[in-house]
């Protein structure tokens, strides 16, 4: 049950950071979704550093749950998607990684469309 609390708290912090980036960049009236792009890039950078620390045994337990699942998950689920894909590529599972990327993009766009039409 403790891990759920850590994910909840970290996710809230990550969501606030994502919202803050969007709020900050709104003033610039940009025509490209830079806020989402920046949040995704930063979350991937942070998650990459955290995964590396975890693999070296320097991060684990509640801190890992708070930062990796919580903060990075709340900041951008794209970071998790990217890490999962990268792990497949490292394992030599090229077809699986490619299928995951293509299916995620197409199914999610399709799901968004269905959700919009359902309402």
Protein backbone atom coordinates (compact mmCIF):
# COMPACT_ATOMS: atom_id res chain seq x y z
CA UNK A 1 0.00 0.00 0.00
CA UNK A 2 2.95 2.29 0.69
CA UNK A 3 4.07 2.11 -2.95
CA UNK A 4 0.67 3.42 -4.08
CA UNK A 5 1.19 6.47 -1.88
CA UNK A 6 4.64 7.07 -3.38
CA UNK A 7 3.26 6.77 -6.92
CA UNK A 8 0.40 9.12 -6.01
CA UNK A 9 2.71 11.77 -4.53
CA UNK A 10 5.34 11.50 -7.27
CA UNK A 11 2.67 11.50 -9.97
CA UNK A 12 1.13 14.65 -8.56
CA UNK A 13 4.50 16.38 -8.55
CA UNK A 14 5.20 15.26 -12.12
CA UNK A 15 1.76 16.45 -13.26
CA UNK A 16 2.33 19.84 -11.66
CA UNK A 17 5.67 20.14 -13.48
CA UNK A 18 4.05 19.22 -16.79
CA UNK A 19 1.25 21.73 -16.20
CA UNK A 20 3.84 24.37 -15.27
CA UNK A 21 5.73 23.90 -18.52
CA UNK A 22 2.51 24.26 -20.47
CA UNK A 23 1.53 27.35 -18.50
CA UNK A 24 4.98 28.89 -18.96
CA UNK A 25 5.03 28.31 -22.73
CA UNK A 26 1.44 29.50 -23.29
CA UNK A 27 2.64 33.10 -23.13
CA UNK A 28 4.67 32.54 -26.31
CA UNK A 29 1.62 31.53 -28.44
CA UNK A 30 3.58 28.82 -30.25
CA UNK A 31 2.04 26.96 -33.18
CA UNK A 32 3.86 23.69 -32.37
CA UNK A 33 3.04 21.70 -29.20
CA UNK A 34 6.39 22.53 -27.62
CA UNK A 35 5.13 22.08 -24.05
CA UNK A 36 4.26 18.43 -24.62
CA UNK A 37 7.44 17.87 -26.59
CA UNK A 38 9.57 19.45 -23.86
CA UNK A 39 7.82 17.49 -21.10
CA UNK A 40 8.36 14.24 -23.02
CA UNK A 41 12.04 14.98 -23.66
CA UNK A 42 12.71 16.02 -20.06
CA UNK A 43 10.84 13.01 -18.66
CA UNK A 44 12.85 10.68 -20.90
CA UNK A 45 16.08 12.35 -19.80
CA UNK A 46 15.17 12.03 -16.12
CA UNK A 47 13.91 8.44 -16.48
CA UNK A 48 17.06 7.48 -18.37
CA UNK A 49 19.22 8.78 -15.53
CA UNK A 50 17.04 7.01 -12.96
CA UNK A 51 17.11 3.70 -14.86
CA UNK A 52 20.89 3.94 -15.02
CA UNK A 53 21.12 4.59 -11.27
CA UNK A 54 18.75 1.69 -10.63
CA UNK A 55 20.79 -0.67 -12.82
CA UNK A 56 23.92 0.31 -10.88
CA UNK A 57 22.17 -0.43 -7.58
CA UNK A 58 22.23 3.20 -6.52
CA UNK A 59 18.45 3.69 -6.60
CA UNK A 60 15.75 1.38 -5.37
CA UNK A 61 12.87 0.92 -2.98
CA UNK A 62 10.51 3.79 -2.21
CA UNK A 63 12.69 6.40 -3.93
CA UNK A 64 12.61 4.40 -7.15
CA UNK A 65 8.83 4.04 -7.00
CA UNK A 66 8.36 7.74 -6.17
CA UNK A 67 10.68 8.99 -8.92
CA UNK A 68 10.29 6.46 -11.73
CA UNK A 69 6.67 5.30 -11.57
CA UNK A 70 5.36 8.39 -9.81
CA UNK A 71 7.17 11.52 -10.97
CA UNK A 72 8.13 10.36 -14.46
CA UNK A 73 4.75 8.69 -14.96
CA UNK A 74 2.93 11.86 -13.95
CA UNK A 75 5.27 14.06 -15.95
CA UNK A 76 4.94 12.00 -19.12
CA UNK A 77 3.89 8.41 -19.78
CA UNK A 78 5.88 8.78 -22.98
CA UNK A 79 9.02 8.30 -20.91
CA UNK A 80 7.80 4.87 -19.78
CA UNK A 81 6.86 3.94 -23.34
CA UNK A 82 10.30 5.03 -24.54
CA UNK A 83 12.10 3.06 -21.82
CA UNK A 84 10.10 -0.09 -22.56
CA UNK A 85 10.84 0.22 -26.26
CA UNK A 86 14.53 0.87 -25.59
CA UNK A 87 14.77 -2.18 -23.31
CA UNK A 88 13.33 -4.33 -26.13
CA UNK A 89 15.88 -2.88 -28.55
CA UNK A 90 18.73 -3.57 -26.09
CA UNK A 91 17.50 -7.16 -25.83
CA UNK A 92 17.65 -7.47 -29.63
CA UNK A 93 13.87 -7.66 -29.94
CA UNK A 94 13.67 -5.34 -32.96
CA UNK A 95 10.39 -6.68 -34.33
CA UNK A 96 8.72 -6.58 -30.94
CA UNK A 97 9.89 -3.00 -30.36
CA UNK A 98 8.76 -1.91 -33.81
CA UNK A 99 5.37 -3.59 -33.38
CA UNK A 100 4.98 -1.94 -29.98
CA UNK A 101 5.79 1.52 -31.38
CA UNK A 102 3.54 1.23 -34.42
CA UNK A 103 0.68 -0.43 -32.53
CA UNK A 104 0.86 2.14 -29.73
CA UNK A 105 0.67 5.05 -32.13
CA UNK A 106 -2.05 3.64 -34.38
CA UNK A 107 -4.21 2.10 -31.65
CA UNK A 108 -3.99 5.21 -29.46
CA UNK A 109 -4.92 7.53 -32.34
CA UNK A 110 -7.77 5.17 -33.18
CA UNK A 111 -8.88 5.03 -29.55
CA UNK A 112 -8.87 8.82 -29.34
CA UNK A 113 -11.06 8.96 -32.45
CA UNK A 114 -13.49 6.33 -31.10
CA UNK A 115 -13.67 8.13 -27.77
CA UNK A 116 -14.47 11.41 -29.52
CA UNK A 117 -17.14 9.80 -31.70
CA UNK A 118 -18.68 7.97 -28.73
CA UNK A 119 -19.43 11.31 -27.09
